[in-house]
Amino acid sequence: MIIDPHIHTIYSGDATGTPREIIKRARAIGLDAIAITDHNTLKGSLIAQKEVKEFKDILIIPAMELTSNKGHIVALGINEEIKKGLSPEETLDAIHDMGGISIVPHPFVRYRDGLFVKIKDLPVDAIETMNSRYIFGYSNWKAKKLSIEKNIPEIGASDSHFVAAVGSCVTDVEADFSIESILKSIKQGKTTAYGDRTPLPLILKEVINKKIKKVYEY
């Protein structure tokens, strides 16, 4: 199973793709499953789960990217929204109570609230060793090193904020075609992360658009 477990939609407030556009893109490039991980909301994920019923060859993993008081945590396989601003430990407990799994995205990127910038030891289920939104890749390198040292399952993800970037980095999971199997295999470390950097022109275009948006908001 080839999955992209970290994708943002318009419901994140800082992304441009709709859930339907993202599903179509994911199918076009051959992904087996995706997770819509909007910031602190399940709305995009829930809409995607309804939209995907028209298609038979792709899964939507219910998910969101949570802002804990020490950094970001991606929750996969949850069925209710979790409050932002909790401690990392409280956030993990809430995820696990719902039978979900926790992933630390961009773990060492300070300006993107990487969790491991402020906290070192936490019983997370997986970490992103390949996040496509990078310039030099230092965080990815450091995350890969930690993954090996601590035997933490690795994840590759696009962290896409626009449709064209979906699938830039992905995770190969040894799993059957079911959400339950995917989550179980991630926890067991049956994963391989690979992919490429989101093209810099696309990242620069996104940054410029965000700056323009902020100007108009003022």
N, C-alpha and C. Protein backbone atom coordinates (compact mmCIF):
# COMPACT_ATOMS: atom_id res chain seq x y z
N MET A 1 0.84 -1.19 0.00
CA MET A 1 0.00 0.00 0.00
C MET A 1 0.88 1.24 0.00
N ILE A 2 0.64 2.13 -0.97
CA ILE A 2 1.37 3.39 -1.03
C ILE A 2 0.43 4.49 -0.53
N ILE A 3 0.83 5.17 0.54
CA ILE A 3 -0.05 6.15 1.15
C ILE A 3 0.65 7.50 1.32
N ASP A 4 -0.14 8.56 1.30
CA ASP A 4 0.34 9.89 1.68
C ASP A 4 -0.47 10.28 2.92
N PRO A 5 0.15 10.22 4.10
CA PRO A 5 -0.59 10.38 5.35
C PRO A 5 -0.61 11.79 5.95
N HIS A 6 -0.31 12.81 5.14
CA HIS A 6 -0.27 14.17 5.69
C HIS A 6 -0.55 15.16 4.57
N ILE A 7 -1.84 15.51 4.41
CA ILE A 7 -2.28 16.40 3.34
C ILE A 7 -3.26 17.42 3.91
N HIS A 8 -3.14 18.66 3.46
CA HIS A 8 -4.03 19.73 3.93
C HIS A 8 -4.99 20.18 2.83
N THR A 9 -6.19 20.59 3.26
CA THR A 9 -7.19 21.12 2.34
C THR A 9 -7.54 22.56 2.72
N ILE A 10 -8.50 23.11 2.02
CA ILE A 10 -8.95 24.48 2.29
C ILE A 10 -9.42 24.65 3.73
N TYR A 11 -9.77 23.55 4.40
CA TYR A 11 -10.28 23.65 5.76
C TYR A 11 -9.16 23.85 6.79
N SER A 12 -7.92 23.77 6.33
CA SER A 12 -6.79 24.10 7.21
C SER A 12 -6.63 25.61 7.37
N GLY A 13 -7.14 26.35 6.39
CA GLY A 13 -6.99 27.81 6.43
C GLY A 13 -5.72 28.31 5.77
N ASP A 14 -4.80 27.39 5.45
CA ASP A 14 -3.56 27.80 4.80
C ASP A 14 -3.25 26.93 3.58
N ALA A 15 -4.27 26.27 3.04
CA ALA A 15 -4.09 25.39 1.89
C ALA A 15 -5.18 25.68 0.85
N THR A 16 -4.98 25.18 -0.37
CA THR A 16 -5.86 25.59 -1.47
C THR A 16 -6.72 24.48 -2.09
N GLY A 17 -6.39 23.22 -1.85
CA GLY A 17 -7.13 22.14 -2.49
C GLY A 17 -8.38 21.73 -1.75
N THR A 18 -9.41 21.35 -2.49
CA THR A 18 -10.60 20.79 -1.86
C THR A 18 -10.40 19.29 -1.66
N PRO A 19 -11.15 18.68 -0.76
CA PRO A 19 -11.03 17.23 -0.57
C PRO A 19 -11.21 16.44 -1.87
N ARG A 20 -12.18 16.83 -2.69
CA ARG A 20 -12.43 16.12 -3.94
C ARG A 20 -11.25 16.26 -4.90
N GLU A 21 -10.69 17.45 -5.01
CA GLU A 21 -9.53 17.66 -5.89
C GLU A 21 -8.35 16.80 -5.45
N ILE A 22 -8.18 16.69 -4.16
CA ILE A 22 -7.07 15.91 -3.62
C ILE A 22 -7.28 14.42 -3.86
N ILE A 23 -8.50 13.94 -3.70
CA ILE A 23 -8.80 12.54 -3.99
C ILE A 23 -8.51 12.22 -5.46
N LYS A 24 -8.94 13.09 -6.34
CA LYS A 24 -8.70 12.86 -7.77
C LYS A 24 -7.22 12.83 -8.09
N ARG A 25 -6.46 13.74 -7.50
CA ARG A 25 -5.01 13.78 -7.70
C ARG A 25 -4.36 12.50 -7.18
N ALA A 26 -4.77 12.07 -5.99
CA ALA A 26 -4.20 10.87 -5.39
C ALA A 26 -4.46 9.64 -6.25
N ARG A 27 -5.66 9.53 -6.79
CA ARG A 27 -6.00 8.40 -7.67
C ARG A 27 -5.19 8.47 -8.96
N ALA A 28 -5.02 9.67 -9.48
CA ALA A 28 -4.31 9.83 -10.76
C ALA A 28 -2.85 9.40 -10.66
N ILE A 29 -2.25 9.57 -9.49
CA ILE A 29 -0.83 9.20 -9.35
C ILE A 29 -0.65 7.83 -8.71
N GLY A 30 -1.77 7.12 -8.48
CA GLY A 30 -1.69 5.73 -8.04
C GLY A 30 -1.57 5.48 -6.55
N LEU A 31 -1.97 6.43 -5.73
CA LEU A 31 -1.94 6.19 -4.29
C LEU A 31 -3.08 5.27 -3.88
N ASP A 32 -2.83 4.46 -2.86
CA ASP A 32 -3.85 3.53 -2.36
C ASP A 32 -4.66 4.14 -1.21
N ALA A 33 -4.06 5.07 -0.48
CA ALA A 33 -4.76 5.69 0.65
C ALA A 33 -4.12 7.05 0.94
N ILE A 34 -4.94 7.94 1.49
CA ILE A 34 -4.45 9.25 1.91
C ILE A 34 -5.10 9.62 3.23
N ALA A 35 -4.46 10.56 3.94
CA ALA A 35 -5.05 11.12 5.15
C ALA A 35 -5.14 12.63 4.99
N ILE A 36 -6.33 13.16 5.15
CA ILE A 36 -6.53 14.61 5.16
C ILE A 36 -6.29 15.07 6.60
N THR A 37 -5.24 15.84 6.80
CA THR A 37 -4.80 16.19 8.16
C THR A 37 -4.85 17.71 8.36
N ASP A 38 -6.03 18.26 8.27
CA ASP A 38 -6.17 19.71 8.43
C ASP A 38 -5.84 20.12 9.87
N HIS A 39 -5.43 21.38 10.01
CA HIS A 39 -5.02 21.87 11.32
C HIS A 39 -6.20 21.98 12.28
N ASN A 40 -6.17 21.14 13.31
CA ASN A 40 -7.13 21.23 14.43
C ASN A 40 -8.59 21.10 14.03
N THR A 41 -8.84 20.40 12.93
CA THR A 41 -10.23 20.13 12.53
C THR A 41 -10.32 18.84 11.73
N LEU A 42 -11.43 18.13 11.92
CA LEU A 42 -11.70 16.91 11.15
C LEU A 42 -12.57 17.20 9.92
N LYS A 43 -12.95 18.45 9.71
CA LYS A 43 -13.93 18.76 8.68
C LYS A 43 -13.51 18.27 7.30
N GLY A 44 -12.30 18.60 6.88
CA GLY A 44 -11.84 18.17 5.57
C GLY A 44 -11.79 16.67 5.45
N SER A 45 -11.38 16.01 6.51
CA SER A 45 -11.29 14.55 6.52
C SER A 45 -12.68 13.91 6.41
N LEU A 46 -13.64 14.46 7.13
CA LEU A 46 -15.01 13.92 7.09
C LEU A 46 -15.63 14.11 5.70
N ILE A 47 -15.40 15.25 5.10
CA ILE A 47 -15.91 15.50 3.75
C ILE A 47 -15.26 14.54 2.76
N ALA A 48 -13.97 14.32 2.90
CA ALA A 48 -13.26 13.40 2.01
C ALA A 48 -13.81 11.98 2.13
N GLN A 49 -14.17 11.58 3.34
CA GLN A 49 -14.72 10.23 3.54
C GLN A 49 -16.06 10.07 2.82
N LYS A 50 -16.83 11.15 2.71
CA LYS A 50 -18.08 11.09 1.95
C LYS A 50 -17.81 11.10 0.46
N GLU A 51 -16.88 11.95 0.04
CA GLU A 51 -16.56 12.06 -1.39
C GLU A 51 -16.00 10.75 -1.95
N VAL A 52 -15.21 10.06 -1.15
CA VAL A 52 -14.51 8.87 -1.65
C VAL A 52 -15.44 7.70 -1.90
N LYS A 53 -16.67 7.77 -1.43
CA LYS A 53 -17.62 6.68 -1.65
C LYS A 53 -17.93 6.47 -3.14
N GLU A 54 -17.64 7.49 -3.94
CA GLU A 54 -17.83 7.37 -5.39
C GLU A 54 -16.72 6.54 -6.04
N PHE A 55 -15.65 6.31 -5.31
CA PHE A 55 -14.50 5.60 -5.86
C PHE A 55 -14.26 4.31 -5.07
N LYS A 56 -13.75 3.31 -5.75
CA LYS A 56 -13.56 2.00 -5.11
C LYS A 56 -12.10 1.64 -4.87
N ASP A 57 -11.19 2.47 -5.33
CA ASP A 57 -9.79 2.07 -5.33
C ASP A 57 -8.88 2.94 -4.46
N ILE A 58 -9.46 3.66 -3.52
CA ILE A 58 -8.64 4.49 -2.63
C ILE A 58 -9.33 4.64 -1.28
N LEU A 59 -8.53 4.67 -0.22
CA LEU A 59 -9.05 4.81 1.14
C LEU A 59 -8.75 6.19 1.70
N ILE A 60 -9.63 6.68 2.55
CA ILE A 60 -9.40 7.91 3.31
C ILE A 60 -9.23 7.54 4.78
N ILE A 61 -8.06 7.82 5.31
CA ILE A 61 -7.80 7.57 6.73
C ILE A 61 -8.25 8.80 7.52
N PRO A 62 -9.20 8.67 8.43
CA PRO A 62 -9.64 9.85 9.20
C PRO A 62 -8.49 10.40 10.03
N ALA A 63 -8.31 11.72 9.96
CA ALA A 63 -7.10 12.28 10.59
C ALA A 63 -7.21 13.79 10.78
N MET A 64 -6.28 14.33 11.55
CA MET A 64 -6.11 15.77 11.70
C MET A 64 -4.71 16.04 12.25
N GLU A 65 -4.23 17.26 12.03
CA GLU A 65 -2.95 17.67 12.60
C GLU A 65 -3.22 18.57 13.79
N LEU A 66 -2.81 18.10 14.96
CA LEU A 66 -3.13 18.78 16.21
C LEU A 66 -1.99 19.68 16.66
N THR A 67 -2.36 20.81 17.23
CA THR A 67 -1.38 21.72 17.81
C THR A 67 -1.37 21.52 19.31
N SER A 68 -0.39 20.76 19.81
CA SER A 68 -0.23 20.63 21.26
C SER A 68 0.51 21.85 21.77
N ASN A 69 0.66 21.97 23.07
CA ASN A 69 1.34 23.15 23.60
C ASN A 69 2.86 23.09 23.45
N LYS A 70 3.37 21.99 22.85
CA LYS A 70 4.80 21.88 22.59
C LYS A 70 5.11 21.66 21.10
N GLY A 71 4.07 21.49 20.28
CA GLY A 71 4.32 21.25 18.86
C GLY A 71 3.23 20.42 18.21
N HIS A 72 3.41 20.15 16.92
CA HIS A 72 2.38 19.49 16.13
C HIS A 72 2.45 17.97 16.24
N ILE A 73 1.27 17.35 16.23
CA ILE A 73 1.14 15.89 16.23
C ILE A 73 0.03 15.51 15.25
N VAL A 74 0.33 14.61 14.33
CA VAL A 74 -0.69 14.11 13.41
C VAL A 74 -1.37 12.90 14.05
N ALA A 75 -2.70 12.93 14.05
CA ALA A 75 -3.48 11.82 14.58
C ALA A 75 -4.15 11.09 13.43
N LEU A 76 -3.85 9.81 13.28
CA LEU A 76 -4.48 8.97 12.25
C LEU A 76 -5.45 8.00 12.90
N GLY A 77 -6.60 7.81 12.27
CA GLY A 77 -7.55 6.80 12.73
C GLY A 77 -8.43 7.24 13.87
N ILE A 78 -8.65 8.55 14.02
CA ILE A 78 -9.52 9.04 15.08
C ILE A 78 -10.92 9.32 14.53
N ASN A 79 -11.90 9.34 15.42
CA ASN A 79 -13.28 9.54 14.96
C ASN A 79 -13.94 10.78 15.56
N GLU A 80 -13.21 11.50 16.40
CA GLU A 80 -13.71 12.74 16.97
C GLU A 80 -12.58 13.77 17.01
N GLU A 81 -12.95 15.04 16.98
CA GLU A 81 -11.94 16.08 17.08
C GLU A 81 -11.33 16.10 18.48
N ILE A 82 -10.04 16.41 18.52
CA ILE A 82 -9.31 16.54 19.78
C ILE A 82 -8.93 18.01 19.94
N LYS A 83 -9.06 18.51 21.14
CA LYS A 83 -8.77 19.92 21.39
C LYS A 83 -7.30 20.26 21.14
N LYS A 84 -7.06 21.44 20.61
CA LYS A 84 -5.69 21.91 20.51
C LYS A 84 -5.25 22.50 21.84
N GLY A 85 -3.96 22.67 22.02
CA GLY A 85 -3.43 23.29 23.23
C GLY A 85 -3.20 22.36 24.39
N LEU A 86 -3.51 21.07 24.23
CA LEU A 86 -3.22 20.10 25.27
C LEU A 86 -1.72 19.83 25.33
N SER A 87 -1.26 19.23 26.39
CA SER A 87 0.13 18.81 26.44
C SER A 87 0.33 17.67 25.45
N PRO A 88 1.56 17.41 25.02
CA PRO A 88 1.79 16.27 24.13
C PRO A 88 1.29 14.96 24.73
N GLU A 89 1.51 14.78 26.02
CA GLU A 89 1.08 13.54 26.67
C GLU A 89 -0.44 13.41 26.64
N GLU A 90 -1.14 14.49 26.93
CA GLU A 90 -2.62 14.47 26.88
C GLU A 90 -3.11 14.22 25.46
N THR A 91 -2.42 14.81 24.49
CA THR A 91 -2.80 14.63 23.09
C THR A 91 -2.65 13.17 22.68
N LEU A 92 -1.51 12.57 23.04
CA LEU A 92 -1.29 11.15 22.71
C LEU A 92 -2.34 10.27 23.37
N ASP A 93 -2.66 10.55 24.63
CA ASP A 93 -3.68 9.76 25.33
C ASP A 93 -5.02 9.84 24.60
N ALA A 94 -5.39 11.04 24.17
CA ALA A 94 -6.67 11.22 23.47
C ALA A 94 -6.68 10.44 22.14
N ILE A 95 -5.56 10.47 21.44
CA ILE A 95 -5.46 9.74 20.17
C ILE A 95 -5.59 8.24 20.41
N HIS A 96 -4.84 7.74 21.38
CA HIS A 96 -4.82 6.30 21.64
C HIS A 96 -6.14 5.81 22.22
N ASP A 97 -6.82 6.66 22.98
CA ASP A 97 -8.13 6.28 23.53
C ASP A 97 -9.15 6.00 22.42
N MET A 98 -8.94 6.63 21.26
CA MET A 98 -9.85 6.41 20.12
C MET A 98 -9.35 5.30 19.20
N GLY A 99 -8.26 4.67 19.58
CA GLY A 99 -7.71 3.61 18.73
C GLY A 99 -6.88 4.14 17.58
N GLY A 100 -6.49 5.42 17.65
CA GLY A 100 -5.68 6.02 16.60
C GLY A 100 -4.19 5.88 16.87
N ILE A 101 -3.40 6.38 15.94
CA ILE A 101 -1.95 6.37 16.13
C ILE A 101 -1.42 7.79 15.96
N SER A 102 -0.28 8.03 16.59
CA SER A 102 0.31 9.37 16.60
C SER A 102 1.58 9.42 15.76
N ILE A 103 1.69 10.48 14.97
CA ILE A 103 2.88 10.69 14.14
C ILE A 103 3.39 12.10 14.39
N VAL A 104 4.70 12.24 14.55
CA VAL A 104 5.29 13.57 14.70
C VAL A 104 5.72 14.06 13.33
N PRO A 105 5.08 15.13 12.83
CA PRO A 105 5.45 15.67 11.52
C PRO A 105 6.59 16.69 11.66
N HIS A 106 7.38 16.81 10.58
CA HIS A 106 8.51 17.77 10.56
C HIS A 106 9.07 17.97 11.98
N PRO A 107 9.59 16.90 12.60
CA PRO A 107 9.87 16.91 14.04
C PRO A 107 10.90 17.90 14.54
N PHE A 108 11.83 18.31 13.67
CA PHE A 108 12.90 19.19 14.14
C PHE A 108 12.89 20.57 13.47
N VAL A 109 11.77 20.94 12.86
CA VAL A 109 11.66 22.24 12.20
C VAL A 109 11.07 23.24 13.19
N ARG A 110 11.89 24.13 13.68
CA ARG A 110 11.46 25.07 14.73
C ARG A 110 10.33 25.98 14.26
N TYR A 111 10.45 26.55 13.05
CA TYR A 111 9.45 27.53 12.59
C TYR A 111 8.14 26.89 12.18
N ARG A 112 8.09 25.54 12.18
CA ARG A 112 6.83 24.84 11.89
C ARG A 112 6.36 24.04 13.10
N ASP A 113 6.79 24.46 14.28
CA ASP A 113 6.37 23.84 15.53
C ASP A 113 6.67 22.35 15.59
N GLY A 114 7.89 22.00 15.16
CA GLY A 114 8.32 20.61 15.29
C GLY A 114 8.38 20.19 16.75
N LEU A 115 7.74 19.10 17.08
CA LEU A 115 7.57 18.70 18.48
C LEU A 115 8.90 18.40 19.17
N PHE A 116 9.84 17.80 18.43
CA PHE A 116 11.08 17.38 19.07
C PHE A 116 12.08 18.52 19.25
N VAL A 117 11.69 19.73 18.86
CA VAL A 117 12.51 20.90 19.17
C VAL A 117 12.42 21.20 20.67
N LYS A 118 11.24 20.95 21.25
CA LYS A 118 11.00 21.30 22.66
C LYS A 118 10.95 20.11 23.60
N ILE A 119 10.71 18.93 23.06
CA ILE A 119 10.59 17.74 23.91
C ILE A 119 11.31 16.58 23.22
N LYS A 120 12.05 15.79 23.99
CA LYS A 120 12.92 14.78 23.38
C LYS A 120 12.35 13.37 23.44
N ASP A 121 11.78 12.98 24.57
CA ASP A 121 11.31 11.62 24.74
C ASP A 121 9.79 11.59 24.87
N LEU A 122 9.16 10.92 23.93
CA LEU A 122 7.71 10.83 23.93
C LEU A 122 7.33 9.53 23.22
N PRO A 123 6.39 8.76 23.78
CA PRO A 123 6.04 7.47 23.19
C PRO A 123 5.12 7.60 21.97
N VAL A 124 5.66 8.18 20.89
CA VAL A 124 4.88 8.34 19.67
C VAL A 124 4.94 7.05 18.85
N ASP A 125 3.99 6.90 17.94
CA ASP A 125 3.91 5.67 17.15
C ASP A 125 4.79 5.71 15.90
N ALA A 126 5.06 6.92 15.39
CA ALA A 126 5.89 7.05 14.19
C ALA A 126 6.34 8.50 14.04
N ILE A 127 7.38 8.71 13.24
CA ILE A 127 7.83 10.07 12.94
C ILE A 127 8.07 10.22 11.44
N GLU A 128 7.89 11.43 10.96
CA GLU A 128 8.17 11.72 9.56
C GLU A 128 9.68 11.82 9.35
N THR A 129 10.21 10.89 8.58
CA THR A 129 11.62 10.98 8.20
C THR A 129 11.77 11.55 6.80
N MET A 130 10.64 11.66 6.10
CA MET A 130 10.61 12.28 4.77
C MET A 130 9.38 13.18 4.69
N ASN A 131 9.60 14.48 4.83
CA ASN A 131 8.55 15.47 4.65
C ASN A 131 8.96 16.31 3.45
N SER A 132 8.11 16.41 2.45
CA SER A 132 8.54 17.00 1.17
C SER A 132 8.69 18.51 1.21
N ARG A 133 8.22 19.16 2.27
CA ARG A 133 8.32 20.62 2.37
C ARG A 133 9.62 21.01 3.07
N TYR A 134 10.71 20.84 2.36
CA TYR A 134 12.01 21.19 2.93
C TYR A 134 12.88 21.91 1.89
N ILE A 135 13.89 22.58 2.40
CA ILE A 135 14.86 23.25 1.52
C ILE A 135 16.18 22.48 1.53
N PHE A 136 16.73 22.24 2.74
CA PHE A 136 18.00 21.52 2.83
C PHE A 136 17.85 20.09 3.35
N GLY A 137 16.74 19.79 4.02
CA GLY A 137 16.49 18.43 4.46
C GLY A 137 17.12 18.05 5.80
N TYR A 138 17.56 19.04 6.58
CA TYR A 138 18.21 18.72 7.86
C TYR A 138 17.25 18.00 8.81
N SER A 139 16.01 18.48 8.89
CA SER A 139 15.03 17.85 9.79
C SER A 139 14.78 16.40 9.40
N ASN A 140 14.69 16.14 8.09
CA ASN A 140 14.48 14.77 7.63
C ASN A 140 15.66 13.88 8.01
N TRP A 141 16.87 14.41 7.82
CA TRP A 141 18.07 13.64 8.16
C TRP A 141 18.10 13.32 9.66
N LYS A 142 17.80 14.33 10.47
CA LYS A 142 17.82 14.14 11.92
C LYS A 142 16.72 13.18 12.37
N ALA A 143 15.56 13.28 11.72
CA ALA A 143 14.45 12.38 12.06
C ALA A 143 14.78 10.93 11.69
N LYS A 144 15.42 10.74 10.53
CA LYS A 144 15.82 9.39 10.12
C LYS A 144 16.81 8.80 11.12
N LYS A 145 17.75 9.61 11.56
CA LYS A 145 18.74 9.17 12.54
C LYS A 145 18.05 8.74 13.84
N LEU A 146 17.09 9.55 14.30
CA LEU A 146 16.36 9.23 15.53
C LEU A 146 15.52 7.97 15.35
N SER A 147 14.91 7.83 14.18
CA SER A 147 14.10 6.65 13.88
C SER A 147 14.91 5.37 14.04
N ILE A 148 16.14 5.41 13.55
CA ILE A 148 17.01 4.23 13.64
C ILE A 148 17.47 4.01 15.08
N GLU A 149 17.88 5.08 15.75
CA GLU A 149 18.40 4.96 17.11
C GLU A 149 17.35 4.46 18.10
N LYS A 150 16.12 4.99 17.96
CA LYS A 150 15.05 4.66 18.91
C LYS A 150 14.09 3.59 18.40
N ASN A 151 14.34 3.09 17.19
CA ASN A 151 13.47 2.09 16.58
C ASN A 151 12.02 2.58 16.48
N ILE A 152 11.87 3.82 16.00
CA ILE A 152 10.54 4.41 15.81
C ILE A 152 10.16 4.27 14.34
N PRO A 153 8.99 3.75 14.03
CA PRO A 153 8.58 3.59 12.63
C PRO A 153 8.66 4.90 11.86
N GLU A 154 9.09 4.81 10.60
CA GLU A 154 9.26 6.01 9.78
C GLU A 154 8.07 6.22 8.85
N ILE A 155 7.83 7.50 8.56
CA ILE A 155 6.73 7.90 7.69
C ILE A 155 7.25 8.89 6.64
N GLY A 156 6.78 8.73 5.42
CA GLY A 156 7.03 9.72 4.38
C GLY A 156 5.71 10.38 4.01
N ALA A 157 5.71 11.70 3.87
CA ALA A 157 4.46 12.42 3.61
C ALA A 157 4.73 13.72 2.86
N SER A 158 3.76 14.11 2.05
CA SER A 158 3.93 15.34 1.26
C SER A 158 3.75 16.59 2.10
N ASP A 159 2.89 16.50 3.15
CA ASP A 159 2.51 17.71 3.90
C ASP A 159 2.00 18.75 2.90
N SER A 160 1.28 18.27 1.91
CA SER A 160 0.84 19.13 0.80
C SER A 160 -0.15 20.19 1.27
N HIS A 161 0.08 21.42 0.78
CA HIS A 161 -0.85 22.52 1.00
C HIS A 161 -1.47 22.97 -0.32
N PHE A 162 -1.13 22.29 -1.40
CA PHE A 162 -1.75 22.52 -2.71
C PHE A 162 -1.73 21.21 -3.49
N VAL A 163 -2.69 21.06 -4.38
CA VAL A 163 -2.96 19.77 -5.01
C VAL A 163 -1.75 19.18 -5.72
N ALA A 164 -0.99 20.01 -6.42
CA ALA A 164 0.13 19.49 -7.23
C ALA A 164 1.20 18.81 -6.39
N ALA A 165 1.24 19.10 -5.11
CA ALA A 165 2.29 18.53 -4.26
C ALA A 165 1.90 17.19 -3.63
N VAL A 166 0.64 16.78 -3.76
CA VAL A 166 0.21 15.51 -3.20
C VAL A 166 1.07 14.37 -3.75
N GLY A 167 1.55 13.52 -2.86
CA GLY A 167 2.36 12.38 -3.28
C GLY A 167 3.82 12.67 -3.49
N SER A 168 4.28 13.88 -3.16
CA SER A 168 5.70 14.21 -3.33
C SER A 168 6.57 13.28 -2.49
N CYS A 169 6.15 13.05 -1.26
CA CYS A 169 6.75 12.02 -0.41
C CYS A 169 5.63 11.09 0.05
N VAL A 170 5.93 9.81 0.14
CA VAL A 170 4.90 8.83 0.50
C VAL A 170 5.48 7.77 1.43
N THR A 171 4.58 6.91 1.90
CA THR A 171 4.98 5.79 2.74
C THR A 171 4.53 4.49 2.08
N ASP A 172 5.43 3.56 1.95
CA ASP A 172 5.11 2.21 1.49
C ASP A 172 4.83 1.37 2.74
N VAL A 173 3.59 0.90 2.87
CA VAL A 173 3.18 0.16 4.06
C VAL A 173 2.83 -1.28 3.67
N GLU A 174 3.38 -2.24 4.39
CA GLU A 174 3.03 -3.64 4.16
C GLU A 174 1.69 -3.91 4.83
N ALA A 175 0.62 -3.66 4.10
CA ALA A 175 -0.71 -3.77 4.69
C ALA A 175 -1.73 -4.21 3.66
N ASP A 176 -2.87 -4.69 4.16
CA ASP A 176 -4.01 -5.00 3.29
C ASP A 176 -4.78 -3.71 3.01
N PHE A 177 -5.77 -3.82 2.13
CA PHE A 177 -6.55 -2.65 1.72
C PHE A 177 -7.62 -2.34 2.76
N SER A 178 -7.16 -1.88 3.93
CA SER A 178 -8.09 -1.46 4.98
C SER A 178 -7.38 -0.49 5.90
N ILE A 179 -8.14 0.42 6.49
CA ILE A 179 -7.56 1.40 7.40
C ILE A 179 -6.96 0.71 8.61
N GLU A 180 -7.68 -0.27 9.16
CA GLU A 180 -7.20 -0.99 10.34
C GLU A 180 -5.84 -1.65 10.06
N SER A 181 -5.70 -2.27 8.91
CA SER A 181 -4.45 -2.93 8.56
C SER A 181 -3.31 -1.93 8.40
N ILE A 182 -3.61 -0.78 7.78
CA ILE A 182 -2.60 0.26 7.59
C ILE A 182 -2.09 0.77 8.94
N LEU A 183 -3.01 1.10 9.84
CA LEU A 183 -2.62 1.62 11.15
C LEU A 183 -1.79 0.60 11.94
N LYS A 184 -2.22 -0.65 11.88
CA LYS A 184 -1.50 -1.71 12.59
C LYS A 184 -0.08 -1.88 12.04
N SER A 185 0.04 -1.84 10.72
CA SER A 185 1.35 -2.03 10.09
C SER A 185 2.29 -0.86 10.38
N ILE A 186 1.74 0.36 10.44
CA ILE A 186 2.57 1.52 10.79
C ILE A 186 3.13 1.34 12.20
N LYS A 187 2.28 0.96 13.14
CA LYS A 187 2.73 0.77 14.52
C LYS A 187 3.80 -0.32 14.61
N GLN A 188 3.68 -1.32 13.76
CA GLN A 188 4.64 -2.43 13.77
C GLN A 188 5.92 -2.10 13.01
N GLY A 189 5.96 -0.92 12.41
CA GLY A 189 7.17 -0.51 11.71
C GLY A 189 7.34 -1.11 10.34
N LYS A 190 6.25 -1.57 9.74
CA LYS A 190 6.33 -2.16 8.39
C LYS A 190 6.18 -1.07 7.34
N THR A 191 7.08 -0.10 7.41
CA THR A 191 6.98 1.09 6.56
C THR A 191 8.33 1.44 5.93
N THR A 192 8.25 2.06 4.77
CA THR A 192 9.42 2.64 4.12
C THR A 192 9.01 4.01 3.60
N ALA A 193 9.81 5.02 3.91
CA ALA A 193 9.52 6.40 3.48
C ALA A 193 10.40 6.75 2.29
N TYR A 194 9.79 7.37 1.29
CA TYR A 194 10.60 7.81 0.16
C TYR A 194 9.89 8.94 -0.58
N GLY A 195 10.62 9.61 -1.46
CA GLY A 195 10.02 10.69 -2.23
C GLY A 195 11.01 11.80 -2.49
N ASP A 196 10.48 12.94 -2.93
CA ASP A 196 11.30 14.08 -3.32
C ASP A 196 10.78 15.35 -2.66
N ARG A 197 11.60 16.38 -2.73
CA ARG A 197 11.21 17.69 -2.23
C ARG A 197 10.13 18.30 -3.13
N THR A 198 9.17 18.96 -2.51
CA THR A 198 8.23 19.76 -3.29
C THR A 198 9.04 20.80 -4.07
N PRO A 199 8.84 20.93 -5.37
CA PRO A 199 9.63 21.89 -6.15
C PRO A 199 9.63 23.28 -5.51
N LEU A 200 10.80 23.88 -5.39
CA LEU A 200 10.93 25.18 -4.74
C LEU A 200 10.04 26.26 -5.36
N PRO A 201 9.88 26.31 -6.69
CA PRO A 201 8.99 27.33 -7.26
C PRO A 201 7.56 27.24 -6.72
N LEU A 202 7.10 26.00 -6.47
CA LEU A 202 5.75 25.83 -5.92
C LEU A 202 5.69 26.31 -4.47
N ILE A 203 6.74 26.01 -3.70
CA ILE A 203 6.78 26.46 -2.32
C ILE A 203 6.83 27.99 -2.26
N LEU A 204 7.66 28.60 -3.10
CA LEU A 204 7.77 30.06 -3.13
C LEU A 204 6.44 30.70 -3.53
N LYS A 205 5.76 30.09 -4.49
CA LYS A 205 4.46 30.60 -4.92
C LYS A 205 3.47 30.56 -3.77
N GLU A 206 3.50 29.47 -3.00
CA GLU A 206 2.61 29.34 -1.85
C GLU A 206 2.91 30.41 -0.80
N VAL A 207 4.20 30.61 -0.51
CA VAL A 207 4.61 31.61 0.49
C VAL A 207 4.15 33.00 0.07
N ILE A 208 4.34 33.34 -1.21
CA ILE A 208 3.95 34.65 -1.73
C ILE A 208 2.44 34.84 -1.62
N ASN A 209 1.69 33.80 -1.98
CA ASN A 209 0.23 33.88 -1.90
C ASN A 209 -0.25 34.10 -0.46
N LYS A 210 0.43 33.45 0.49
CA LYS A 210 0.07 33.61 1.90
C LYS A 210 0.36 35.03 2.37
N LYS A 211 1.48 35.59 1.92
CA LYS A 211 1.83 36.96 2.29
C LYS A 211 0.80 37.95 1.75
N ILE A 212 0.40 37.72 0.48
CA ILE A 212 -0.61 38.59 -0.13
C ILE A 212 -1.93 38.50 0.62
N LYS A 213 -2.30 37.28 1.00
CA LYS A 213 -3.54 37.07 1.74
C LYS A 213 -3.53 37.82 3.06
N LYS A 214 -2.38 37.79 3.76
CA LYS A 214 -2.28 38.49 5.04
C LYS A 214 -2.40 39.99 4.87
N VAL A 215 -1.82 40.52 3.78
CA VAL A 215 -1.91 41.95 3.50
C VAL A 215 -3.35 42.36 3.33
N TYR A 216 -4.11 41.58 2.54
CA TYR A 216 -5.52 41.90 2.31
C TYR A 216 -6.37 41.74 3.57
N GLU A 217 -5.97 40.81 4.45
CA GLU A 217 -6.70 40.63 5.71
C GLU A 217 -6.56 41.85 6.62
N TYR A 218 -5.39 42.49 6.54
CA TYR A 218 -5.19 43.72 7.32
C TYR A 218 -5.89 44.90 6.68
